């Protein structure tokens, strides 16, 4: 599914994206827009929650700059959704491993800093 990642771009199924994305276990790619560039709050998760995933992986950028609010972590814990927060390169590796488990996995990937 994910073929390459370099600062600022990701290649998925032979298509290159140069903006932050939401990728689900079925291969659906959507633009992931947030109110604040380096901050993830509850509203920013709506795109990932629409199909009730079991796992959400947040790629925090090449240098791990993106911060995740405590409210996000608390909500996902209450919904019993596994949350993984790591820099984007590592998040992509984990995403690729998790989709092999047949679980409903969503990756939210910040592609720059």
PDB file of N, CA and C in Angstrom:
ATOM      1  N   UNK A   1       0.830  -1.181   0.000  1.00  0.00           N
ATOM      2  CA  UNK A   1       0.000   0.000   0.000  1.00  0.00           C
ATOM      3  C   UNK A   1       0.886   1.260   0.000  1.00  0.00           C
ATOM      4  N   UNK A   2       1.608   1.511   1.107  1.00  0.00           N
ATOM      5  CA  UNK A   2       2.514   2.671   1.146  1.00  0.00           C
ATOM      6  C   UNK A   2       3.845   2.230   0.557  1.00  0.00           C
ATOM      7  N   UNK A   3       4.243   2.897  -0.503  1.00  0.00           N
ATOM      8  CA  UNK A   3       5.461   2.506  -1.200  1.00  0.00           C
ATOM      9  C   UNK A   3       6.677   3.317  -0.766  1.00  0.00           C
ATOM     10  N   UNK A   4       6.498   4.617  -0.528  1.00  0.00           N
ATOM     11  CA  UNK A   4       7.628   5.478  -0.161  1.00  0.00           C
ATOM     12  C   UNK A   4       7.138   6.636   0.694  1.00  0.00           C
ATOM     13  N   UNK A   5       8.047   7.117   1.523  1.00  0.00           N
ATOM     14  CA  UNK A   5       7.807   8.366   2.257  1.00  0.00           C
ATOM     15  C   UNK A   5       9.106   9.144   2.286  1.00  0.00           C
ATOM     16  N   UNK A   6       9.000  10.388   1.905  1.00  0.00           N
ATOM     17  CA  UNK A   6      10.103  11.345   2.013  1.00  0.00           C
ATOM     18  C   UNK A   6       9.502  12.626   2.580  1.00  0.00           C
ATOM     19  N   UNK A   7      10.316  13.437   3.197  1.00  0.00           N
ATOM     20  CA  UNK A   7       9.835  14.690   3.776  1.00  0.00           C
ATOM     21  C   UNK A   7       8.925  15.402   2.767  1.00  0.00           C
ATOM     22  N   UNK A   8       7.679  15.603   3.141  1.00  0.00           N
ATOM     23  CA  UNK A   8       6.745  16.346   2.311  1.00  0.00           C
ATOM     24  C   UNK A   8       5.966  15.553   1.287  1.00  0.00           C
ATOM     25  N   UNK A   9       6.253  14.253   1.132  1.00  0.00           N
ATOM     26  CA  UNK A   9       5.460  13.473   0.186  1.00  0.00           C
ATOM     27  C   UNK A   9       5.441  12.000   0.544  1.00  0.00           C
ATOM     28  N   UNK A  10       4.340  11.380   0.131  1.00  0.00           N
ATOM     29  CA  UNK A  10       4.142   9.961   0.380  1.00  0.00           C
ATOM     30  C   UNK A  10       3.578   9.338  -0.894  1.00  0.00           C
ATOM     31  N   UNK A  11       4.033   8.140  -1.197  1.00  0.00           N
ATOM     32  CA  UNK A  11       3.558   7.427  -2.376  1.00  0.00           C
ATOM     33  C   UNK A  11       2.757   6.213  -1.930  1.00  0.00           C
ATOM     34  N   UNK A  12       1.495   6.182  -2.383  1.00  0.00           N
ATOM     35  CA  UNK A  12       0.583   5.094  -2.014  1.00  0.00           C
ATOM     36  C   UNK A  12      -0.047   4.561  -3.296  1.00  0.00           C
ATOM     37  N   UNK A  13       0.119   3.272  -3.529  1.00  0.00           N
ATOM     38  CA  UNK A  13      -0.460   2.642  -4.720  1.00  0.00           C
ATOM     39  C   UNK A  13      -0.154   3.443  -5.996  1.00  0.00           C
ATOM     40  N   UNK A  14       1.119   3.796  -6.152  1.00  0.00           N
ATOM     41  CA  UNK A  14       1.629   4.499  -7.341  1.00  0.00           C
ATOM     42  C   UNK A  14       1.144   5.943  -7.490  1.00  0.00           C
ATOM     43  N   UNK A  15       0.549   6.500  -6.468  1.00  0.00           N
ATOM     44  CA  UNK A  15       0.130   7.906  -6.515  1.00  0.00           C
ATOM     45  C   UNK A  15       0.875   8.677  -5.433  1.00  0.00           C
ATOM     46  N   UNK A  16       1.352   9.870  -5.778  1.00  0.00           N
ATOM     47  CA  UNK A  16       2.102  10.699  -4.831  1.00  0.00           C
ATOM     48  C   UNK A  16       1.182  11.769  -4.243  1.00  0.00           C
ATOM     49  N   UNK A  17       1.265  11.917  -2.920  1.00  0.00           N
ATOM     50  CA  UNK A  17       0.503  12.932  -2.195  1.00  0.00           C
ATOM     51  C   UNK A  17       1.502  13.877  -1.539  1.00  0.00           C
ATOM     52  N   UNK A  18       1.224  15.156  -1.622  1.00  0.00           N
ATOM     53  CA  UNK A  18       2.103  16.169  -1.032  1.00  0.00           C
ATOM     54  C   UNK A  18       1.362  16.991   0.024  1.00  0.00           C
ATOM     55  N   UNK A  19       0.463  16.359   0.711  1.00  0.00           N
ATOM     56  CA  UNK A  19      -0.278  16.973   1.805  1.00  0.00           C
ATOM     57  C   UNK A  19      -0.550  15.892   2.849  1.00  0.00           C
ATOM     58  N   UNK A  20      -0.853  16.313   4.048  1.00  0.00           N
ATOM     59  CA  UNK A  20      -1.129  15.367   5.122  1.00  0.00           C
ATOM     60  C   UNK A  20      -2.344  14.526   4.755  1.00  0.00           C
ATOM     61  N   UNK A  21      -2.276  13.249   5.109  1.00  0.00           N
ATOM     62  CA  UNK A  21      -3.337  12.336   4.685  1.00  0.00           C
ATOM     63  C   UNK A  21      -3.892  11.490   5.822  1.00  0.00           C
ATOM     64  N   UNK A  22      -5.079  10.983   5.564  1.00  0.00           N
ATOM     65  CA  UNK A  22      -5.721   9.949   6.372  1.00  0.00           C
ATOM     66  C   UNK A  22      -5.826   8.738   5.454  1.00  0.00           C
ATOM     67  N   UNK A  23      -5.281   7.617   5.879  1.00  0.00           N
ATOM     68  CA  UNK A  23      -5.281   6.389   5.090  1.00  0.00           C
ATOM     69  C   UNK A  23      -5.918   5.283   5.924  1.00  0.00           C
ATOM     70  N   UNK A  24      -6.913   4.594   5.341  1.00  0.00           N
ATOM     71  CA  UNK A  24      -7.536   3.515   6.115  1.00  0.00           C
ATOM     72  C   UNK A  24      -7.150   2.148   5.576  1.00  0.00           C
ATOM     73  N   UNK A  25      -7.591   1.116   6.293  1.00  0.00           N
ATOM     74  CA  UNK A  25      -7.227  -0.262   6.000  1.00  0.00           C
ATOM     75  C   UNK A  25      -7.688  -0.725   4.613  1.00  0.00           C
ATOM     76  N   UNK A  26      -8.659  -0.020   4.030  1.00  0.00           N
ATOM     77  CA  UNK A  26      -9.143  -0.389   2.695  1.00  0.00           C
ATOM     78  C   UNK A  26      -8.349   0.290   1.586  1.00  0.00           C
ATOM     79  N   UNK A  27      -7.459   1.218   1.980  1.00  0.00           N
ATOM     80  CA  UNK A  27      -6.670   1.947   0.995  1.00  0.00           C
ATOM     81  C   UNK A  27      -7.252   3.293   0.610  1.00  0.00           C
ATOM     82  N   UNK A  28      -8.332   3.709   1.278  1.00  0.00           N
ATOM     83  CA  UNK A  28      -8.919   5.016   0.989  1.00  0.00           C
ATOM     84  C   UNK A  28      -7.993   6.118   1.536  1.00  0.00           C
ATOM     85  N   UNK A  29      -7.674   7.080   0.685  1.00  0.00           N
ATOM     86  CA  UNK A  29      -6.805   8.195   1.068  1.00  0.00           C
ATOM     87  C   UNK A  29      -7.628   9.480   1.029  1.00  0.00           C
ATOM     88  N   UNK A  30      -7.603  10.223   2.128  1.00  0.00           N
ATOM     89  CA  UNK A  30      -8.282  11.515   2.210  1.00  0.00           C
ATOM     90  C   UNK A  30      -7.291  12.564   2.701  1.00  0.00           C
ATOM     91  N   UNK A  31      -7.521  13.795   2.319  1.00  0.00           N
ATOM     92  CA  UNK A  31      -6.698  14.896   2.814  1.00  0.00           C
ATOM     93  C   UNK A  31      -7.027  15.089   4.295  1.00  0.00           C
ATOM     94  N   UNK A  32      -5.977  15.182   5.117  1.00  0.00           N
ATOM     95  CA  UNK A  32      -6.157  15.377   6.558  1.00  0.00           C
ATOM     96  C   UNK A  32      -5.832  16.815   6.890  1.00  0.00           C
ATOM     97  N   UNK A  33      -6.876  17.584   7.140  1.00  0.00           N
ATOM     98  CA  UNK A  33      -6.688  18.993   7.488  1.00  0.00           C
ATOM     99  C   UNK A  33      -6.966  19.171   8.971  1.00  0.00           C
ATOM    100  N   UNK A  34      -6.170  20.031   9.582  1.00  0.00           N
ATOM    101  CA  UNK A  34      -6.332  20.332  10.997  1.00  0.00           C
ATOM    102  C   UNK A  34      -6.450  21.838  11.185  1.00  0.00           C
ATOM    103  N   UNK A  35      -7.082  22.210  12.280  1.00  0.00           N
ATOM    104  CA  UNK A  35      -7.230  23.636  12.580  1.00  0.00           C
ATOM    105  C   UNK A  35      -5.864  24.277  12.791  1.00  0.00           C
ATOM    106  N   UNK A  36      -4.994  23.557  13.497  1.00  0.00           N
ATOM    107  CA  UNK A  36      -3.627  24.035  13.737  1.00  0.00           C
ATOM    108  C   UNK A  36      -2.657  23.007  13.176  1.00  0.00           C
ATOM    109  N   UNK A  37      -1.658  23.478  12.469  1.00  0.00           N
ATOM    110  CA  UNK A  37      -0.744  22.606  11.740  1.00  0.00           C
ATOM    111  C   UNK A  37      -0.044  21.561  12.603  1.00  0.00           C
ATOM    112  N   UNK A  38       0.428  21.941  13.761  1.00  0.00           N
ATOM    113  CA  UNK A  38       1.218  21.022  14.587  1.00  0.00           C
ATOM    114  C   UNK A  38       0.503  20.620  15.872  1.00  0.00           C
ATOM    115  N   UNK A  39      -0.810  20.539  15.793  1.00  0.00           N
ATOM    116  CA  UNK A  39      -1.618  20.201  16.953  1.00  0.00           C
ATOM    117  C   UNK A  39      -2.785  19.336  16.497  1.00  0.00           C
ATOM    118  N   UNK A  40      -3.093  18.272  17.233  1.00  0.00           N
ATOM    119  CA  UNK A  40      -4.236  17.421  16.926  1.00  0.00           C
ATOM    120  C   UNK A  40      -5.200  17.475  18.105  1.00  0.00           C
ATOM    121  N   UNK A  41      -6.428  17.902  17.810  1.00  0.00           N
ATOM    122  CA  UNK A  41      -7.470  17.972  18.819  1.00  0.00           C
ATOM    123  C   UNK A  41      -8.634  17.074  18.382  1.00  0.00           C
ATOM    124  N   UNK A  42      -9.666  16.986  19.185  1.00  0.00           N
ATOM    125  CA  UNK A  42     -10.776  16.068  18.915  1.00  0.00           C
ATOM    126  C   UNK A  42     -11.389  16.266  17.530  1.00  0.00           C
ATOM    127  N   UNK A  43     -11.599  17.496  17.129  1.00  0.00           N
ATOM    128  CA  UNK A  43     -12.209  17.775  15.824  1.00  0.00           C
ATOM    129  C   UNK A  43     -11.360  17.207  14.685  1.00  0.00           C
ATOM    130  N   UNK A  44     -10.059  17.186  14.877  1.00  0.00           N
ATOM    131  CA  UNK A  44      -9.144  16.696  13.846  1.00  0.00           C
ATOM    132  C   UNK A  44      -9.213  15.175  13.667  1.00  0.00           C
ATOM    133  N   UNK A  45      -9.878  14.494  14.586  1.00  0.00           N
ATOM    134  CA  UNK A  45     -10.000  13.034  14.535  1.00  0.00           C
ATOM    135  C   UNK A  45     -11.249  12.552  13.815  1.00  0.00           C
ATOM    136  N   UNK A  46     -12.183  13.456  13.532  1.00  0.00           N
ATOM    137  CA  UNK A  46     -13.456  13.047  12.942  1.00  0.00           C
ATOM    138  C   UNK A  46     -13.262  12.187  11.695  1.00  0.00           C
ATOM    139  N   UNK A  47     -12.342  12.566  10.858  1.00  0.00           N
ATOM    140  CA  UNK A  47     -12.068  11.835   9.623  1.00  0.00           C
ATOM    141  C   UNK A  47     -11.634  10.399   9.909  1.00  0.00           C
ATOM    142  N   UNK A  48     -10.907  10.199  10.991  1.00  0.00           N
ATOM    143  CA  UNK A  48     -10.396   8.870  11.330  1.00  0.00           C
ATOM    144  C   UNK A  48     -11.445   8.004  12.028  1.00  0.00           C
ATOM    145  N   UNK A  49     -12.391   8.626  12.695  1.00  0.00           N
ATOM    146  CA  UNK A  49     -13.377   7.890  13.487  1.00  0.00           C
ATOM    147  C   UNK A  49     -14.618   7.474  12.706  1.00  0.00           C
ATOM    148  N   UNK A  50     -14.769   7.967  11.492  1.00  0.00           N
ATOM    149  CA  UNK A  50     -16.031   7.774  10.760  1.00  0.00           C
ATOM    150  C   UNK A  50     -16.419   6.312  10.556  1.00  0.00           C
ATOM    151  N   UNK A  51     -15.459   5.416  10.435  1.00  0.00           N
ATOM    152  CA  UNK A  51     -15.766   4.003  10.215  1.00  0.00           C
ATOM    153  C   UNK A  51     -15.386   3.113  11.397  1.00  0.00           C
ATOM    154  N   UNK A  52     -15.333   3.710  12.573  1.00  0.00           N
ATOM    155  CA  UNK A  52     -15.088   2.988  13.830  1.00  0.00           C
ATOM    156  C   UNK A  52     -13.870   2.056  13.767  1.00  0.00           C
ATOM    157  N   UNK A  53     -12.693   2.625  13.648  1.00  0.00           N
ATOM    158  CA  UNK A  53     -11.485   1.802  13.582  1.00  0.00           C
ATOM    159  C   UNK A  53     -11.148   1.165  14.930  1.00  0.00           C
ATOM    160  N   UNK A  54     -10.297   0.164  14.859  1.00  0.00           N
ATOM    161  CA  UNK A  54      -9.803  -0.478  16.073  1.00  0.00           C
ATOM    162  C   UNK A  54      -8.477   0.138  16.513  1.00  0.00           C
ATOM    163  N   UNK A  55      -7.737   0.680  15.543  1.00  0.00           N
ATOM    164  CA  UNK A  55      -6.416   1.260  15.800  1.00  0.00           C
ATOM    165  C   UNK A  55      -6.297   2.566  15.018  1.00  0.00           C
ATOM    166  N   UNK A  56      -5.769   3.588  15.670  1.00  0.00           N
ATOM    167  CA  UNK A  56      -5.419   4.838  14.990  1.00  0.00           C
ATOM    168  C   UNK A  56      -3.940   5.086  15.229  1.00  0.00           C
ATOM    169  N   UNK A  57      -3.235   5.311  14.139  1.00  0.00           N
ATOM    170  CA  UNK A  57      -1.807   5.609  14.200  1.00  0.00           C
ATOM    171  C   UNK A  57      -1.619   7.041  13.733  1.00  0.00           C
ATOM    172  N   UNK A  58      -0.970   7.834  14.557  1.00  0.00           N
ATOM    173  CA  UNK A  58      -0.707   9.227  14.184  1.00  0.00           C
ATOM    174  C   UNK A  58       0.780   9.395  13.932  1.00  0.00           C
ATOM    175  N   UNK A  59       1.108   9.762  12.694  1.00  0.00           N
ATOM    176  CA  UNK A  59       2.485  10.084  12.324  1.00  0.00           C
ATOM    177  C   UNK A  59       2.710  11.557  12.586  1.00  0.00           C
ATOM    178  N   UNK A  60       3.584  11.859  13.509  1.00  0.00           N
ATOM    179  CA  UNK A  60       3.768  13.228  14.004  1.00  0.00           C
ATOM    180  C   UNK A  60       4.769  14.059  13.210  1.00  0.00           C
ATOM    181  N   UNK A  61       5.086  13.619  11.999  1.00  0.00           N
ATOM    182  CA  UNK A  61       6.013  14.359  11.145  1.00  0.00           C
ATOM    183  C   UNK A  61       7.400  13.752  11.158  1.00  0.00           C
ATOM    184  N   UNK A  62       8.237  14.230  10.253  1.00  0.00           N
ATOM    185  CA  UNK A  62       9.597  13.705  10.126  1.00  0.00           C
ATOM    186  C   UNK A  62      10.394  13.870  11.414  1.00  0.00           C
ATOM    187  N   UNK A  63      10.137  14.958  12.130  1.00  0.00           N
ATOM    188  CA  UNK A  63      10.885  15.240  13.360  1.00  0.00           C
ATOM    189  C   UNK A  63      10.015  15.125  14.611  1.00  0.00           C
ATOM    190  N   UNK A  64       8.798  14.611  14.442  1.00  0.00           N
ATOM    191  CA  UNK A  64       7.921  14.404  15.593  1.00  0.00           C
ATOM    192  C   UNK A  64       7.392  15.674  16.213  1.00  0.00           C
ATOM    193  N   UNK A  65       7.161  16.701  15.419  1.00  0.00           N
ATOM    194  CA  UNK A  65       6.759  18.018  15.922  1.00  0.00           C
ATOM    195  C   UNK A  65       5.291  18.090  16.357  1.00  0.00           C
ATOM    196  N   UNK A  66       4.421  17.315  15.727  1.00  0.00           N
ATOM    197  CA  UNK A  66       2.980  17.409  16.001  1.00  0.00           C
ATOM    198  C   UNK A  66       2.672  16.921  17.418  1.00  0.00           C
ATOM    199  N   UNK A  67       1.860  17.702  18.122  1.00  0.00           N
ATOM    200  CA  UNK A  67       1.429  17.358  19.483  1.00  0.00           C
ATOM    201  C   UNK A  67      -0.008  16.872  19.457  1.00  0.00           C
ATOM    202  N   UNK A  68      -0.323  15.948  20.347  1.00  0.00           N
ATOM    203  CA  UNK A  68      -1.659  15.366  20.440  1.00  0.00           C
ATOM    204  C   UNK A  68      -2.269  15.791  21.768  1.00  0.00           C
ATOM    205  N   UNK A  69      -3.492  16.328  21.722  1.00  0.00           N
ATOM    206  CA  UNK A  69      -4.114  16.800  22.961  1.00  0.00           C
ATOM    207  C   UNK A  69      -4.457  15.619  23.879  1.00  0.00           C
ATOM    208  N   UNK A  70      -4.495  15.902  25.154  1.00  0.00           N
ATOM    209  CA  UNK A  70      -4.886  14.889  26.129  1.00  0.00           C
ATOM    210  C   UNK A  70      -6.316  14.418  25.879  1.00  0.00           C
ATOM    211  N   UNK A  71      -7.173  15.320  25.383  1.00  0.00           N
ATOM    212  CA  UNK A  71      -8.564  14.973  25.107  1.00  0.00           C
ATOM    213  C   UNK A  71      -8.656  13.880  24.044  1.00  0.00           C
ATOM    214  N   UNK A  72      -7.774  13.938  23.047  1.00  0.00           N
ATOM    215  CA  UNK A  72      -7.740  12.909  22.005  1.00  0.00           C
ATOM    216  C   UNK A  72      -7.415  11.561  22.632  1.00  0.00           C
ATOM    217  N   UNK A  73      -6.370  11.548  23.421  1.00  0.00           N
ATOM    218  CA  UNK A  73      -5.935  10.301  24.030  1.00  0.00           C
ATOM    219  C   UNK A  73      -7.011   9.731  24.952  1.00  0.00           C
ATOM    220  N   UNK A  74      -7.661  10.602  25.711  1.00  0.00           N
ATOM    221  CA  UNK A  74      -8.714  10.175  26.631  1.00  0.00           C
ATOM    222  C   UNK A  74      -9.925   9.620  25.862  1.00  0.00           C
ATOM    223  N   UNK A  75     -10.344  10.312  24.799  1.00  0.00           N
ATOM    224  CA  UNK A  75     -11.496   9.854  24.015  1.00  0.00           C
ATOM    225  C   UNK A  75     -11.238   8.481  23.400  1.00  0.00           C
ATOM    226  N   UNK A  76     -10.064   8.291  22.816  1.00  0.00           N
ATOM    227  CA  UNK A  76      -9.772   7.009  22.182  1.00  0.00           C
ATOM    228  C   UNK A  76      -9.677   5.888  23.211  1.00  0.00           C
ATOM    229  N   UNK A  77      -9.156   6.208  24.365  1.00  0.00           N
ATOM    230  CA  UNK A  77      -9.106   5.211  25.448  1.00  0.00           C
ATOM    231  C   UNK A  77     -10.529   4.809  25.838  1.00  0.00           C
ATOM    232  N   UNK A  78     -11.416   5.791  25.972  1.00  0.00           N
ATOM    233  CA  UNK A  78     -12.812   5.510  26.330  1.00  0.00           C
ATOM    234  C   UNK A  78     -13.525   4.703  25.250  1.00  0.00           C
ATOM    235  N   UNK A  79     -13.161   4.929  23.988  1.00  0.00           N
ATOM    236  CA  UNK A  79     -13.761   4.190  22.872  1.00  0.00           C
ATOM    237  C   UNK A  79     -13.087   2.829  22.656  1.00  0.00           C
ATOM    238  N   UNK A  80     -12.067   2.563  23.450  1.00  0.00           N
ATOM    239  CA  UNK A  80     -11.288   1.312  23.339  1.00  0.00           C
ATOM    240  C   UNK A  80     -10.624   1.164  21.960  1.00  0.00           C
ATOM    241  N   UNK A  81     -10.122   2.303  21.469  1.00  0.00           N
ATOM    242  CA  UNK A  81      -9.372   2.328  20.213  1.00  0.00           C
ATOM    243  C   UNK A  81      -7.899   2.459  20.573  1.00  0.00           C
ATOM    244  N   UNK A  82      -7.097   1.543  20.075  1.00  0.00           N
ATOM    245  CA  UNK A  82      -5.656   1.607  20.311  1.00  0.00           C
ATOM    246  C   UNK A  82      -5.093   2.831  19.598  1.00  0.00           C
ATOM    247  N   UNK A  83      -4.271   3.601  20.288  1.00  0.00           N
ATOM    248  CA  UNK A  83      -3.655   4.806  19.721  1.00  0.00           C
ATOM    249  C   UNK A  83      -2.147   4.647  19.741  1.00  0.00           C
ATOM    250  N   UNK A  84      -1.549   4.884  18.593  1.00  0.00           N
ATOM    251  CA  UNK A  84      -0.092   4.839  18.463  1.00  0.00           C
ATOM    252  C   UNK A  84       0.346   6.193  17.939  1.00  0.00           C
ATOM    253  N   UNK A  85       1.276   6.836  18.645  1.00  0.00           N
ATOM    254  CA  UNK A  85       1.769   8.162  18.275  1.00  0.00           C
ATOM    255  C   UNK A  85       3.283   8.086  18.135  1.00  0.00           C
ATOM    256  N   UNK A  86       3.765   8.234  16.911  1.00  0.00           N
ATOM    257  CA  UNK A  86       5.205   8.149  16.632  1.00  0.00           C
ATOM    258  C   UNK A  86       5.520   9.026  15.418  1.00  0.00           C
ATOM    259  N   UNK A  87       6.799   9.349  15.200  1.00  0.00           N
ATOM    260  CA  UNK A  87       7.157  10.083  13.978  1.00  0.00           C
ATOM    261  C   UNK A  87       6.677   9.336  12.728  1.00  0.00           C
ATOM    262  N   UNK A  88       6.434  10.080  11.672  1.00  0.00           N
ATOM    263  CA  UNK A  88       5.782   9.536  10.485  1.00  0.00           C
ATOM    264  C   UNK A  88       6.477   8.331   9.868  1.00  0.00           C
ATOM    265  N   UNK A  89       7.774   8.336   9.763  1.00  0.00           N
ATOM    266  CA  UNK A  89       8.469   7.196   9.151  1.00  0.00           C
ATOM    267  C   UNK A  89       8.164   5.904   9.918  1.00  0.00           C
ATOM    268  N   UNK A  90       8.214   5.971  11.224  1.00  0.00           N
ATOM    269  CA  UNK A  90       7.910   4.809  12.057  1.00  0.00           C
ATOM    270  C   UNK A  90       6.420   4.466  11.992  1.00  0.00           C
ATOM    271  N   UNK A  91       5.566   5.494  11.945  1.00  0.00           N
ATOM    272  CA  UNK A  91       4.120   5.280  11.873  1.00  0.00           C
ATOM    273  C   UNK A  91       3.743   4.506  10.616  1.00  0.00           C
ATOM    274  N   UNK A  92       4.417   4.791   9.519  1.00  0.00           N
ATOM    275  CA  UNK A  92       4.152   4.084   8.264  1.00  0.00           C
ATOM    276  C   UNK A  92       4.511   2.609   8.387  1.00  0.00           C
ATOM    277  N   UNK A  93       5.643   2.315   8.992  1.00  0.00           N
ATOM    278  CA  UNK A  93       6.040   0.916   9.194  1.00  0.00           C
ATOM    279  C   UNK A  93       5.016   0.183  10.050  1.00  0.00           C
ATOM    280  N   UNK A  94       4.578   0.816  11.118  1.00  0.00           N
ATOM    281  CA  UNK A  94       3.602   0.205  12.014  1.00  0.00           C
ATOM    282  C   UNK A  94       2.269   0.017  11.290  1.00  0.00           C
ATOM    283  N   UNK A  95       1.863   1.017  10.521  1.00  0.00           N
ATOM    284  CA  UNK A  95       0.622   0.907   9.753  1.00  0.00           C
ATOM    285  C   UNK A  95       0.661  -0.321   8.846  1.00  0.00           C
ATOM    286  N   UNK A  96       1.750  -0.472   8.117  1.00  0.00           N
ATOM    287  CA  UNK A  96       1.886  -1.604   7.196  1.00  0.00           C
ATOM    288  C   UNK A  96       1.842  -2.944   7.940  1.00  0.00           C
ATOM    289  N   UNK A  97       2.404  -3.000   9.139  1.00  0.00           N
ATOM    290  CA  UNK A  97       2.351  -4.226   9.941  1.00  0.00           C
ATOM    291  C   UNK A  97       0.930  -4.491  10.440  1.00  0.00           C
ATOM    292  N   UNK A  98       0.268  -3.445  10.904  1.00  0.00           N
ATOM    293  CA  UNK A  98      -1.063  -3.605  11.506  1.00  0.00           C
ATOM    294  C   UNK A  98      -2.126  -3.996  10.488  1.00  0.00           C
ATOM    295  N   UNK A  99      -2.028  -3.508   9.248  1.00  0.00           N
ATOM    296  CA  UNK A  99      -3.066  -3.885   8.282  1.00  0.00           C
ATOM    297  C   UNK A  99      -2.985  -5.369   7.928  1.00  0.00           C
ATOM    298  N   UNK A 100      -1.850  -5.974   8.131  1.00  0.00           N
ATOM    299  CA  UNK A 100      -1.709  -7.418   7.885  1.00  0.00           C
ATOM    300  C   UNK A 100      -2.473  -8.243   8.914  1.00  0.00           C
ATOM    301  N   UNK A 101      -2.833  -7.637  10.032  1.00  0.00           N
ATOM    302  CA  UNK A 101      -3.555  -8.343  11.097  1.00  0.00           C
ATOM    303  C   UNK A 101      -5.061  -8.383  10.856  1.00  0.00           C
ATOM    304  N   UNK A 102      -5.512  -7.788   9.742  1.00  0.00           N
ATOM    305  CA  UNK A 102      -6.938  -7.745   9.386  1.00  0.00           C
ATOM    306  C   UNK A 102      -7.759  -6.861  10.335  1.00  0.00           C
ATOM    307  N   UNK A 103      -7.102  -5.974  11.045  1.00  0.00           N
ATOM    308  CA  UNK A 103      -7.828  -5.049  11.916  1.00  0.00           C
ATOM    309  C   UNK A 103      -8.153  -3.779  11.152  1.00  0.00           C
ATOM    310  N   UNK A 104      -9.136  -3.052  11.659  1.00  0.00           N
ATOM    311  CA  UNK A 104      -9.535  -1.776  11.055  1.00  0.00           C
ATOM    312  C   UNK A 104      -8.558  -0.708  11.550  1.00  0.00           C
ATOM    313  N   UNK A 105      -7.609  -0.360  10.703  1.00  0.00           N
ATOM    314  CA  UNK A 105      -6.526   0.554  11.059  1.00  0.00           C
ATOM    315  C   UNK A 105      -6.647   1.830  10.235  1.00  0.00           C
ATOM    316  N   UNK A 106      -6.440   2.965  10.900  1.00  0.00           N
ATOM    317  CA  UNK A 106      -6.414   4.257  10.214  1.00  0.00           C
ATOM    318  C   UNK A 106      -5.096   4.940  10.565  1.00  0.00           C
ATOM    319  N   UNK A 107      -4.428   5.445   9.540  1.00  0.00           N
ATOM    320  CA  UNK A 107      -3.202   6.212   9.735  1.00  0.00           C
ATOM    321  C   UNK A 107      -3.429   7.667   9.405  1.00  0.00           C
ATOM    322  N   UNK A 108      -3.027   8.537  10.309  1.00  0.00           N
ATOM    323  CA  UNK A 108      -3.065   9.988  10.087  1.00  0.00           C
ATOM    324  C   UNK A 108      -1.617  10.427  10.003  1.00  0.00           C
ATOM    325  N   UNK A 109      -1.205  10.873   8.818  1.00  0.00           N
ATOM    326  CA  UNK A 109       0.214  11.127   8.580  1.00  0.00           C
ATOM    327  C   UNK A 109       0.498  12.579   8.255  1.00  0.00           C
ATOM    328  N   UNK A 110       1.281  13.229   9.134  1.00  0.00           N
ATOM    329  CA  UNK A 110       1.803  14.570   8.881  1.00  0.00           C
ATOM    330  C   UNK A 110       3.101  14.369   8.113  1.00  0.00           C
ATOM    331  N   UNK A 111       3.229  14.979   6.944  1.00  0.00           N
ATOM    332  CA  UNK A 111       4.334  14.642   6.042  1.00  0.00           C
ATOM    333  C   UNK A 111       5.570  15.532   6.163  1.00  0.00           C
ATOM    334  N   UNK A 112       5.456  16.680   6.808  1.00  0.00           N
ATOM    335  CA  UNK A 112       6.638  17.540   6.911  1.00  0.00           C
ATOM    336  C   UNK A 112       7.189  17.481   8.338  1.00  0.00           C
ATOM    337  N   UNK A 113       7.591  18.607   8.866  1.00  0.00           N
ATOM    338  CA  UNK A 113       8.305  18.672  10.147  1.00  0.00           C
ATOM    339  C   UNK A 113       7.692  17.817  11.220  1.00  0.00           C
TER     340      UNK A 113
END
